[in-house]
Amino acid sequence: MTIKPLIILPDPVLRVTSEPVERIDDAVRELAADMLETMYDAPGIGLAGIQIGVPRRILVIDLAKDEEPRNPLVVINPTILSVSDERSLYEEGCLSIPEYYAEVERPARLRISFQDLDGKTQERDADGLLATCLQHEIDHLNGTLFIDHISKLKRDMVIRKFTKAAKRVVA
């Protein structure tokens, strides 16, 4: 397992729409292991392939608290089947937008279809933090960031801040 470098805003790679995973093989299983290792190292609770520069429809999530045993979920080629009308508000952050948090309103519950690491199609219902996290990571697969769900004024401020920081690193 290898810890991969994270893609950080304003890198345009984050806006790329990810392609489906065609075959679930050892390379995909290794990618999932690398993604989990990268997410745990960051530390974070979710990571999409595009966040490490791999434009494939794969994401990993682990909501276990520090004192709990790890409980990783690997989701390949997810499709949102349904969402609730009920909404919930969570303060979201993102490993690709470090140290920035904002409240985002999303559907409170959803049902997804996806493939697991054995290539089996699964369906799963989620609510609470898992529902929010799944929607956040699936957004990444579609080239959408959580800041796209906040006001234009706040989004523009965040993008300017990260663009300036990126220019300082290059200079």
Protein backbone atom coordinates (compact mmCIF):
# COMPACT_ATOMS: atom_id res chain seq x y z
CA MET A 1 0.00 0.00 0.00
CA THR A 2 1.21 3.45 -0.94
CA ILE A 3 0.18 6.85 0.34
CA LYS A 4 -0.60 8.96 -2.73
CA PRO A 5 -0.31 12.74 -3.02
CA LEU A 6 -3.64 14.55 -2.84
CA ILE A 7 -4.88 16.81 -5.63
CA ILE A 8 -5.60 20.24 -4.09
CA LEU A 9 -7.88 23.06 -5.25
CA PRO A 10 -7.53 24.89 -7.70
CA ASP A 11 -6.13 21.94 -9.71
CA PRO A 12 -8.49 21.49 -12.70
CA VAL A 13 -8.19 17.70 -12.37
CA LEU A 14 -10.78 17.95 -9.58
CA ARG A 15 -13.34 19.03 -12.20
CA VAL A 16 -12.81 15.95 -14.41
CA THR A 17 -15.72 13.51 -14.68
CA SER A 18 -14.47 10.05 -13.73
CA GLU A 19 -14.86 7.07 -16.06
CA PRO A 20 -16.40 3.74 -14.99
CA VAL A 21 -14.13 1.00 -13.70
CA GLU A 22 -14.28 -1.58 -16.50
CA ARG A 23 -12.80 -4.60 -14.69
CA ILE A 24 -12.35 -5.22 -11.00
CA ASP A 25 -8.97 -6.90 -10.82
CA ASP A 26 -5.88 -6.86 -8.63
CA ALA A 27 -4.92 -3.39 -9.92
CA VAL A 28 -8.28 -1.99 -8.77
CA ARG A 29 -7.96 -3.76 -5.41
CA GLU A 30 -4.47 -2.25 -5.03
CA LEU A 31 -5.86 1.19 -5.95
CA ALA A 32 -8.55 0.80 -3.26
CA ALA A 33 -5.91 -0.18 -0.68
CA ASP A 34 -3.77 2.84 -1.65
CA MET A 35 -6.81 5.11 -1.42
CA LEU A 36 -7.67 3.82 2.06
CA GLU A 37 -4.06 4.24 3.22
CA THR A 38 -4.01 7.79 1.80
CA MET A 39 -7.36 8.64 3.44
CA TYR A 40 -6.28 7.28 6.84
CA ASP A 41 -2.97 9.14 6.64
CA ALA A 42 -4.61 12.50 5.77
CA PRO A 43 -6.71 11.85 8.03
CA GLY A 44 -10.14 11.83 6.44
CA ILE A 45 -13.37 9.84 6.27
CA GLY A 46 -13.78 9.65 2.49
CA LEU A 47 -11.73 9.81 -0.70
CA ALA A 48 -12.57 9.59 -4.40
CA GLY A 49 -10.12 8.30 -7.01
CA ILE A 50 -9.92 11.69 -8.74
CA GLN A 51 -8.52 13.20 -5.53
CA ILE A 52 -5.33 11.23 -6.12
CA GLY A 53 -5.39 11.88 -9.87
CA VAL A 54 -7.15 8.66 -10.90
CA PRO A 55 -10.27 9.55 -12.93
CA ARG A 56 -12.11 6.29 -12.23
CA ARG A 57 -15.47 5.83 -10.48
CA ILE A 58 -14.15 4.47 -7.21
CA LEU A 59 -14.41 5.88 -3.69
CA VAL A 60 -13.58 4.79 -0.18
CA ILE A 61 -15.22 5.72 3.13
CA ASP A 62 -14.56 4.86 6.75
CA LEU A 63 -16.63 6.59 9.43
CA ALA A 64 -15.06 4.70 12.37
CA LYS A 65 -13.90 6.97 15.18
CA ASP A 66 -10.27 6.88 16.34
CA GLU A 67 -10.95 4.41 19.14
CA GLU A 68 -13.09 2.10 16.97
CA PRO A 69 -11.77 -0.61 14.65
CA ARG A 70 -11.50 0.46 11.02
CA ASN A 71 -14.61 -0.25 8.95
CA PRO A 72 -13.72 0.57 5.33
CA LEU A 73 -16.31 0.72 2.57
CA VAL A 74 -15.11 0.52 -1.04
CA VAL A 75 -17.66 1.71 -3.61
CA ILE A 76 -17.05 1.12 -7.32
CA ASN A 77 -19.23 2.57 -10.12
CA PRO A 78 -21.87 4.00 -7.76
CA THR A 79 -25.30 5.05 -8.97
CA ILE A 80 -27.73 6.97 -6.79
CA LEU A 81 -31.06 5.13 -7.12
CA SER A 82 -33.14 7.44 -4.92
CA VAL A 83 -32.88 10.29 -2.44
CA SER A 84 -35.26 11.46 0.27
CA ASP A 85 -37.20 14.70 0.12
CA GLU A 86 -36.08 15.31 3.69
CA ARG A 87 -32.88 17.38 3.88
CA SER A 88 -30.05 17.48 6.40
CA LEU A 89 -27.32 19.99 7.09
CA TYR A 90 -23.73 18.91 7.81
CA GLU A 91 -20.52 20.84 8.13
CA GLU A 92 -18.39 19.37 5.35
CA GLY A 93 -14.69 19.50 4.69
CA CYS A 94 -12.58 17.97 1.95
CA LEU A 95 -9.05 16.59 1.76
CA SER A 96 -8.67 18.50 -1.54
CA ILE A 97 -9.68 21.78 0.13
CA PRO A 98 -7.67 21.54 3.37
CA GLU A 99 -8.79 23.36 6.49
CA TYR A 100 -11.94 24.81 4.93
CA TYR A 101 -15.37 23.80 6.22
CA ALA A 102 -18.89 24.90 5.34
CA GLU A 103 -22.42 23.78 6.05
CA VAL A 104 -23.98 21.96 3.10
CA GLU A 105 -27.58 20.88 2.75
CA ARG A 106 -28.18 17.54 1.03
CA PRO A 107 -30.85 14.83 0.98
CA ALA A 108 -30.97 13.14 4.40
CA ARG A 109 -31.19 9.60 2.98
CA LEU A 110 -30.33 7.82 -0.23
CA ARG A 111 -30.13 4.41 -1.83
CA ILE A 112 -27.18 3.52 -4.04
CA SER A 113 -26.16 0.67 -6.29
CA PHE A 114 -22.45 -0.14 -6.67
CA GLN A 115 -19.94 -2.90 -7.18
CA ASP A 116 -17.75 -4.24 -4.38
CA LEU A 117 -14.15 -5.42 -4.64
CA ASP A 118 -15.38 -8.85 -5.77
CA GLY A 119 -17.32 -7.28 -8.64
CA LYS A 120 -20.67 -8.08 -7.03
CA THR A 121 -23.45 -5.54 -7.44
CA GLN A 122 -24.73 -4.28 -4.10
CA GLU A 123 -27.50 -1.93 -3.05
CA ARG A 124 -27.27 0.06 0.14
CA ASP A 125 -29.45 2.51 2.03
CA ALA A 126 -27.69 5.28 3.91
CA ASP A 127 -28.68 8.12 6.18
CA GLY A 128 -26.92 10.58 8.47
CA LEU A 129 -23.20 11.08 8.00
CA LEU A 130 -22.86 8.08 5.64
CA ALA A 131 -25.48 9.55 3.27
CA THR A 132 -23.69 12.91 3.31
CA CYS A 133 -20.28 11.31 2.76
CA LEU A 134 -21.51 9.14 -0.12
CA GLN A 135 -23.07 12.16 -1.84
CA HIS A 136 -19.88 14.21 -1.28
CA GLU A 137 -17.65 11.51 -2.79
CA ILE A 138 -20.02 10.71 -5.68
CA ASP A 139 -20.01 14.45 -6.44
CA HIS A 140 -16.21 14.18 -6.80
CA LEU A 141 -16.67 11.44 -9.40
CA ASN A 142 -18.84 13.89 -11.35
CA GLY A 143 -16.35 16.78 -11.11
CA THR A 144 -18.36 18.58 -8.42
CA LEU A 145 -16.92 19.92 -5.17
CA PHE A 146 -18.78 20.56 -1.91
CA ILE A 147 -18.10 24.28 -2.35
CA ASP A 148 -20.40 24.13 -5.42
CA HIS A 149 -23.25 23.71 -2.90
CA ILE A 150 -22.51 26.96 -1.01
CA SER A 151 -23.11 30.58 -2.02
CA LYS A 152 -21.23 31.94 -5.02
CA LEU A 153 -19.65 34.63 -2.83
CA LYS A 154 -18.20 32.10 -0.37
CA ARG A 155 -17.15 29.74 -3.19
CA ASP A 156 -15.34 32.53 -5.05
CA MET A 157 -13.51 33.54 -1.85
CA VAL A 158 -12.32 29.96 -1.26
CA ILE A 159 -11.19 29.52 -4.86
CA ARG A 160 -9.28 32.83 -4.74
CA LYS A 161 -7.60 31.84 -1.47
CA PHE A 162 -6.44 28.46 -2.82
CA THR A 163 -5.39 29.95 -6.17
CA LYS A 164 -3.18 32.50 -4.37
CA ALA A 165 -1.71 29.75 -2.18
CA ALA A 166 -0.96 27.62 -5.26
CA LYS A 167 0.81 30.54 -6.95
CA ARG A 168 2.99 31.07 -3.84
CA VAL A 169 4.03 27.40 -3.93
CA VAL A 170 4.97 27.63 -7.63
CA ALA A 171 6.85 30.95 -7.26
